[in-house]
């Protein structure tokens, strides 16, 4: 199997490098260092003398250029300035948010505590709906110049072709995988080229419970590393889970909060299953492209097994069938039985 980069991108990121990098921005570390759960980047909680701990994120080399990262930072500050609770990178004495040390790029954040949102808690869903609407209102006020956008070619076509060309799919499953992938892509292209006016705008991009910390004051949105341009339903559909009735109930409650601040086009509900398919295909390619990073085989050993690809073929077939299921209905929570 081949990968995008045969080197180990974080091989030199030893603890003393992490601590010295943080101290290069004027902080005095006390030696405490805790690796946090992150695979794309490397993220650490760092103890600071006579001050609260900080979180430092080292960006994966060669993933984003500086302009793309800085656009993420600018968007996070724009959200904060509009009273959206979001974790922002600290500015140093020169007003800089992106820093450099020994070939690594990094940013420093306040440490945000909390727990995950509870999707079976209606008040949490309403709260999330209100803040997601506010994120989207800010997102509509400008546009990204450097960040990616939701795109069938990048997320689906390039993804399935990559895992095939690089030999990640077992030989005896390649024909079946290619066939279902091509069928899914054809439906995706038809969906995203459909007649209704699809509006793209700035989004969080990877909005799920793992990227939201819940506190006594409500949610704090973290990790805008995947912010992009797309339809607003991208930031909403991952909060819907369970059977059809449960998803419609969750959607109704979420929209109670959302529509207090922003309008929502019900036609975007047609995109939920296509967006799920895009995420599935993109996720497989993401694992393949990162397989040279030692953290990935250790964390995702099942990816290298034939069973993973057998399950992917089945899941994509089921997803293709889901395209033809009735779209979720948008109704008011008060009308739910």
Protein backbone atom coordinates (compact mmCIF):
# COMPACT_ATOMS: atom_id res chain seq x y z
CA UNK A 1 0.00 0.00 0.00
CA UNK A 2 1.16 3.50 -0.80
CA UNK A 3 0.26 6.82 0.84
CA UNK A 4 0.44 10.51 0.16
CA UNK A 5 3.65 10.90 2.14
CA UNK A 6 5.97 8.07 3.15
CA UNK A 7 7.49 10.10 5.99
CA UNK A 8 6.22 10.20 9.55
CA UNK A 9 4.91 13.77 9.90
CA UNK A 10 5.22 13.98 13.69
CA UNK A 11 8.39 11.93 14.20
CA UNK A 12 10.25 14.89 15.69
CA UNK A 13 7.45 16.15 17.90
CA UNK A 14 8.94 15.09 21.21
CA UNK A 15 7.65 16.43 24.55
CA UNK A 16 10.50 18.94 24.88
CA UNK A 17 9.67 20.30 21.42
CA UNK A 18 6.01 20.75 22.41
CA UNK A 19 6.89 22.53 25.65
CA UNK A 20 9.55 24.74 24.07
CA UNK A 21 7.17 25.71 21.28
CA UNK A 22 4.59 26.86 23.83
CA UNK A 23 7.24 28.78 25.76
CA UNK A 24 8.29 30.50 22.53
CA UNK A 25 4.96 32.33 22.77
CA UNK A 26 5.71 33.77 26.20
CA UNK A 27 4.29 31.06 28.46
CA UNK A 28 6.17 29.32 31.28
CA UNK A 29 5.39 25.60 31.25
CA UNK A 30 5.40 23.57 34.45
CA UNK A 31 6.26 20.30 32.71
CA UNK A 32 2.78 18.75 32.68
CA UNK A 33 1.86 17.45 29.24
CA UNK A 34 -1.17 15.40 28.22
CA UNK A 35 -1.82 14.17 24.68
CA UNK A 36 -5.47 14.71 23.75
CA UNK A 37 -7.57 12.57 21.45
CA UNK A 38 -6.72 13.79 17.95
CA UNK A 39 -5.45 12.01 14.85
CA UNK A 40 -5.40 14.54 12.03
CA UNK A 41 -3.38 17.01 14.07
CA UNK A 42 -1.48 16.56 17.32
CA UNK A 43 -3.12 18.25 20.29
CA UNK A 44 -1.78 18.53 23.83
CA UNK A 45 -2.89 20.02 27.11
CA UNK A 46 0.07 21.86 28.61
CA UNK A 47 0.42 22.93 32.23
CA UNK A 48 1.40 26.57 32.79
CA UNK A 49 3.06 28.01 35.90
CA UNK A 50 0.58 30.00 38.05
CA UNK A 51 -2.03 30.00 35.27
CA UNK A 52 -4.70 27.71 33.77
CA UNK A 53 -3.56 24.98 31.39
CA UNK A 54 -3.43 25.68 27.67
CA UNK A 55 -4.14 23.51 24.65
CA UNK A 56 -1.66 23.53 21.77
CA UNK A 57 -2.51 22.19 18.33
CA UNK A 58 0.24 21.21 15.88
CA UNK A 59 -1.13 21.22 12.36
CA UNK A 60 -0.46 18.25 10.13
CA UNK A 61 2.34 19.18 7.71
CA UNK A 62 1.34 19.61 4.06
CA UNK A 63 -2.40 19.42 4.77
CA UNK A 64 -3.36 23.11 4.71
CA UNK A 65 -1.33 26.07 3.56
CA UNK A 66 -0.94 29.06 5.87
CA UNK A 67 -3.70 31.08 4.19
CA UNK A 68 -6.19 28.26 4.70
CA UNK A 69 -5.34 27.94 8.39
CA UNK A 70 -5.47 31.69 8.93
CA UNK A 71 -8.89 31.81 7.29
CA UNK A 72 -10.08 29.26 9.84
CA UNK A 73 -8.68 31.43 12.64
CA UNK A 74 -10.31 34.56 11.25
CA UNK A 75 -13.68 32.81 11.01
CA UNK A 76 -13.46 31.64 14.61
CA UNK A 77 -12.79 35.21 15.78
CA UNK A 78 -15.65 36.49 13.64
CA UNK A 79 -17.95 34.02 15.39
CA UNK A 80 -16.66 35.00 18.83
CA UNK A 81 -17.17 38.68 18.08
CA UNK A 82 -20.79 37.85 17.28
CA UNK A 83 -21.29 36.17 20.66
CA UNK A 84 -21.00 32.59 19.43
CA UNK A 85 -19.16 30.53 22.08
CA UNK A 86 -16.24 29.09 20.15
CA UNK A 87 -12.65 28.18 21.02
CA UNK A 88 -10.30 30.63 19.31
CA UNK A 89 -6.51 30.55 18.95
CA UNK A 90 -4.73 33.01 21.19
CA UNK A 91 -3.08 36.05 19.64
CA UNK A 92 0.49 36.75 20.69
CA UNK A 93 1.92 40.22 21.31
CA UNK A 94 2.19 40.74 17.56
CA UNK A 95 -1.42 39.77 16.95
CA UNK A 96 -0.42 36.45 15.35
CA UNK A 97 -2.43 33.24 15.81
CA UNK A 98 -0.31 30.84 13.71
CA UNK A 99 3.18 30.12 15.00
CA UNK A 100 6.23 28.21 13.79
CA UNK A 101 8.76 26.07 15.64
CA UNK A 102 11.25 23.53 14.29
CA UNK A 103 9.32 23.06 11.08
CA UNK A 104 5.93 22.70 12.78
CA UNK A 105 3.00 25.11 12.64
CA UNK A 106 0.92 25.43 15.78
CA UNK A 107 -1.73 27.45 17.58
CA UNK A 108 -2.41 27.91 21.30
CA UNK A 109 -5.90 27.83 22.85
CA UNK A 110 -7.42 28.19 26.27
CA UNK A 111 -8.29 24.80 27.73
CA UNK A 112 -12.04 24.22 27.41
CA UNK A 113 -13.64 21.82 29.85
CA UNK A 114 -17.07 20.26 29.72
CA UNK A 115 -18.94 17.20 28.56
CA UNK A 116 -20.62 16.14 25.33
CA UNK A 117 -24.06 17.35 24.36
CA UNK A 118 -26.91 14.93 25.08
CA UNK A 119 -28.89 14.33 21.90
CA UNK A 120 -31.76 12.80 23.87
CA UNK A 121 -32.08 16.07 25.82
CA UNK A 122 -34.52 18.39 24.06
CA UNK A 123 -33.15 21.48 25.76
CA UNK A 124 -29.66 20.64 24.51
CA UNK A 125 -31.05 20.26 20.97
CA UNK A 126 -32.85 23.61 21.13
CA UNK A 127 -29.72 25.28 22.44
CA UNK A 128 -27.65 23.73 19.67
CA UNK A 129 -30.21 24.85 17.12
CA UNK A 130 -30.01 28.45 18.30
CA UNK A 131 -26.21 28.58 18.17
CA UNK A 132 -25.97 26.75 14.86
CA UNK A 133 -28.31 29.34 13.37
CA UNK A 134 -26.09 32.10 14.73
CA UNK A 135 -23.01 30.41 13.26
CA UNK A 136 -24.79 30.28 9.92
CA UNK A 137 -25.90 33.90 10.08
CA UNK A 138 -22.26 34.90 10.57
CA UNK A 139 -21.27 32.47 7.82
CA UNK A 140 -23.60 34.16 5.36
CA UNK A 141 -22.00 37.54 5.97
CA UNK A 142 -18.78 36.61 4.15
CA UNK A 143 -17.18 33.86 2.15
CA UNK A 144 -14.13 31.66 2.21
CA UNK A 145 -11.42 32.25 -0.37
CA UNK A 146 -9.09 29.38 0.57
CA UNK A 147 -11.11 26.80 2.52
CA UNK A 148 -12.53 23.79 0.60
CA UNK A 149 -16.17 23.26 -0.28
CA UNK A 150 -18.44 20.24 -0.27
CA UNK A 151 -17.76 18.68 -3.62
CA UNK A 152 -18.60 15.30 -5.16
CA UNK A 153 -15.33 15.11 -7.09
CA UNK A 154 -13.10 15.74 -4.07
CA UNK A 155 -15.05 13.83 -1.44
CA UNK A 156 -16.39 10.88 -3.44
CA UNK A 157 -14.71 10.40 -6.82
CA UNK A 158 -11.17 11.17 -5.67
CA UNK A 159 -11.78 9.12 -2.52
CA UNK A 160 -12.93 5.86 -4.06
CA UNK A 161 -10.37 6.07 -6.83
CA UNK A 162 -7.58 6.63 -4.30
CA UNK A 163 -8.33 3.58 -2.15
CA UNK A 164 -8.54 1.44 -5.28
CA UNK A 165 -5.41 2.78 -6.98
CA UNK A 166 -3.32 2.52 -3.82
CA UNK A 167 -4.27 -1.09 -3.17
CA UNK A 168 -6.25 -0.68 0.05
CA UNK A 169 -9.25 -2.65 -1.28
CA UNK A 170 -8.52 -6.41 -1.45
CA UNK A 171 -8.21 -7.68 -5.03
CA UNK A 172 -11.25 -9.95 -4.82
CA UNK A 173 -13.44 -7.04 -3.64
CA UNK A 174 -12.23 -4.34 -6.00
CA UNK A 175 -14.81 -4.96 -8.72
CA UNK A 176 -17.71 -4.93 -6.27
CA UNK A 177 -16.40 -1.82 -4.50
CA UNK A 178 -15.80 0.05 -7.76
CA UNK A 179 -19.25 -0.86 -9.05
CA UNK A 180 -21.16 0.36 -5.98
CA UNK A 181 -18.94 3.43 -5.64
CA UNK A 182 -19.65 4.44 -9.22
CA UNK A 183 -23.38 3.94 -8.68
CA UNK A 184 -23.30 6.11 -5.56
CA UNK A 185 -21.28 8.80 -7.35
CA UNK A 186 -23.80 8.89 -10.20
CA UNK A 187 -26.61 9.52 -7.72
CA UNK A 188 -24.57 12.11 -5.86
CA UNK A 189 -23.85 14.02 -9.03
CA UNK A 190 -27.52 13.94 -9.96
CA UNK A 191 -28.50 15.20 -6.50
CA UNK A 192 -26.02 18.08 -6.34
CA UNK A 193 -26.84 19.12 -9.89
CA UNK A 194 -30.60 19.05 -9.22
CA UNK A 195 -32.99 21.85 -10.02
CA UNK A 196 -33.40 23.43 -6.60
CA UNK A 197 -31.20 26.40 -5.79
CA UNK A 198 -28.46 25.03 -3.53
CA UNK A 199 -26.88 27.79 -1.44
CA UNK A 200 -23.28 27.37 -0.28
CA UNK A 201 -21.95 29.37 2.65
CA UNK A 202 -19.35 29.24 5.42
CA UNK A 203 -19.95 26.41 7.92
CA UNK A 204 -18.36 24.71 10.91
CA UNK A 205 -18.09 21.72 8.55
CA UNK A 206 -17.52 18.91 11.06
CA UNK A 207 -20.27 19.60 13.59
CA UNK A 208 -20.92 16.61 15.85
CA UNK A 209 -21.01 15.98 19.60
CA UNK A 210 -17.27 15.32 19.69
CA UNK A 211 -16.59 18.89 18.61
CA UNK A 212 -18.88 20.52 21.16
CA UNK A 213 -18.09 20.87 24.85
CA UNK A 214 -21.14 21.34 27.06
CA UNK A 215 -20.83 23.51 30.16
CA UNK A 216 -23.23 24.97 32.73
CA UNK A 217 -23.46 27.99 30.42
CA UNK A 218 -24.25 25.90 27.35
CA UNK A 219 -22.21 24.68 24.37
CA UNK A 220 -18.74 25.75 23.29
CA UNK A 221 -17.89 24.87 19.69
CA UNK A 222 -14.35 23.63 19.20
CA UNK A 223 -12.13 22.46 16.34
CA UNK A 224 -12.95 24.45 13.21
CA UNK A 225 -10.13 22.63 11.43
CA UNK A 226 -12.60 21.32 8.82
CA UNK A 227 -14.61 24.50 8.30
CA UNK A 228 -15.71 24.79 4.68
CA UNK A 229 -18.39 26.06 2.34
CA UNK A 230 -21.57 24.06 1.86
CA UNK A 231 -25.32 23.88 2.50
CA UNK A 232 -26.32 24.52 6.12
CA UNK A 233 -27.78 21.00 6.54
CA UNK A 234 -24.16 19.79 6.71
CA UNK A 235 -23.93 21.27 10.21
CA UNK A 236 -27.27 19.78 11.28
CA UNK A 237 -27.66 16.22 10.00
CA UNK A 238 -25.08 14.57 12.27
CA UNK A 239 -27.23 15.42 15.31
CA UNK A 240 -30.00 13.17 13.96
CA UNK A 241 -29.86 9.50 14.92
CA UNK A 242 -32.12 6.52 15.52
CA UNK A 243 -35.15 5.45 13.52
CA UNK A 244 -37.16 7.73 11.24
CA UNK A 245 -39.58 8.84 13.97
CA UNK A 246 -36.75 9.70 16.36
CA UNK A 247 -34.84 11.64 13.70
CA UNK A 248 -37.93 13.64 12.78
CA UNK A 249 -38.53 14.40 16.45
CA UNK A 250 -34.91 15.52 16.93
CA UNK A 251 -35.10 17.63 13.78
CA UNK A 252 -38.29 19.31 15.00
CA UNK A 253 -36.73 20.21 18.36
CA UNK A 254 -33.47 21.35 16.73
CA UNK A 255 -35.46 23.59 14.38
CA UNK A 256 -37.37 25.12 17.30
CA UNK A 257 -34.10 26.72 18.31
CA UNK A 258 -32.67 27.22 14.82
CA UNK A 259 -35.61 29.12 13.38
CA UNK A 260 -35.51 31.66 16.20
CA UNK A 261 -32.46 33.13 14.47
CA UNK A 262 -32.35 31.90 10.87
CA UNK A 263 -34.56 30.57 8.11
CA UNK A 264 -34.12 27.02 6.88
CA UNK A 265 -34.93 25.72 3.41
CA UNK A 266 -36.71 22.34 3.83
CA UNK A 267 -35.43 21.30 0.40
CA UNK A 268 -32.01 20.82 1.99
CA UNK A 269 -33.42 17.78 3.80
CA UNK A 270 -32.99 16.02 0.45
CA UNK A 271 -29.23 16.23 1.05
CA UNK A 272 -29.01 14.30 4.32
CA UNK A 273 -28.43 10.85 2.82
CA UNK A 274 -26.17 12.15 0.01
CA UNK A 275 -24.07 13.98 2.60
CA UNK A 276 -23.88 10.81 4.67
CA UNK A 277 -22.62 8.93 1.60
CA UNK A 278 -20.01 11.61 0.92
CA UNK A 279 -18.79 11.35 4.51
CA UNK A 280 -18.55 7.55 4.33
CA UNK A 281 -16.43 7.58 1.17
CA UNK A 282 -14.29 10.49 2.30
CA UNK A 283 -13.65 8.80 5.65
CA UNK A 284 -12.25 5.66 4.00
CA UNK A 285 -9.90 7.74 1.86
CA UNK A 286 -8.89 9.80 4.89
CA UNK A 287 -7.78 6.67 6.71
CA UNK A 288 -5.93 5.47 3.60
CA UNK A 289 -4.12 8.78 3.11
CA UNK A 290 -3.01 8.78 6.74
CA UNK A 291 -1.97 5.13 6.97
CA UNK A 292 1.73 6.03 6.99
CA UNK A 293 1.18 7.86 10.29
CA UNK A 294 1.89 5.25 13.03
CA UNK A 295 -1.07 6.53 15.06
CA UNK A 296 -3.53 5.31 12.44
CA UNK A 297 -2.72 1.57 12.22
CA UNK A 298 -2.63 1.55 16.00
CA UNK A 299 -6.00 3.28 16.40
CA UNK A 300 -7.81 1.76 13.40
CA UNK A 301 -6.40 -1.78 12.94
CA UNK A 302 -9.67 -2.99 11.39
CA UNK A 303 -9.12 -0.73 8.37
CA UNK A 304 -6.50 -3.13 7.01
CA UNK A 305 -8.83 -6.12 7.23
CA UNK A 306 -10.93 -7.45 4.30
CA UNK A 307 -13.99 -7.38 6.53
CA UNK A 308 -13.88 -3.56 6.60
CA UNK A 309 -14.25 -3.42 2.82
CA UNK A 310 -16.94 -6.09 2.80
CA UNK A 311 -18.88 -3.94 5.26
CA UNK A 312 -18.21 -0.81 3.21
CA UNK A 313 -19.65 -2.42 0.10
CA UNK A 314 -22.76 -3.44 2.06
CA UNK A 315 -23.05 -0.01 3.71
CA UNK A 316 -22.79 1.80 0.38
CA UNK A 317 -25.48 -0.46 -1.09
CA UNK A 318 -27.72 0.36 1.85
CA UNK A 319 -26.89 4.02 1.46
CA UNK A 320 -27.81 3.92 -2.22
CA UNK A 321 -31.18 2.45 -1.24
CA UNK A 322 -31.60 5.20 1.36
CA UNK A 323 -31.49 7.80 -1.43
CA UNK A 324 -34.91 6.52 -2.50
CA UNK A 325 -36.49 6.60 0.97
CA UNK A 326 -38.94 9.43 1.74
CA UNK A 327 -37.21 12.59 2.93
CA UNK A 328 -37.56 13.45 6.61
CA UNK A 329 -40.56 15.64 7.34
CA UNK A 330 -40.00 18.99 8.99
CA UNK A 331 -42.79 19.47 11.49
CA UNK A 332 -43.15 21.40 14.72
CA UNK A 333 -42.15 19.67 17.93
CA UNK A 334 -45.55 20.47 19.42
CA UNK A 335 -47.18 18.38 16.72
CA UNK A 336 -45.18 15.27 17.62
CA UNK A 337 -47.12 12.62 19.49
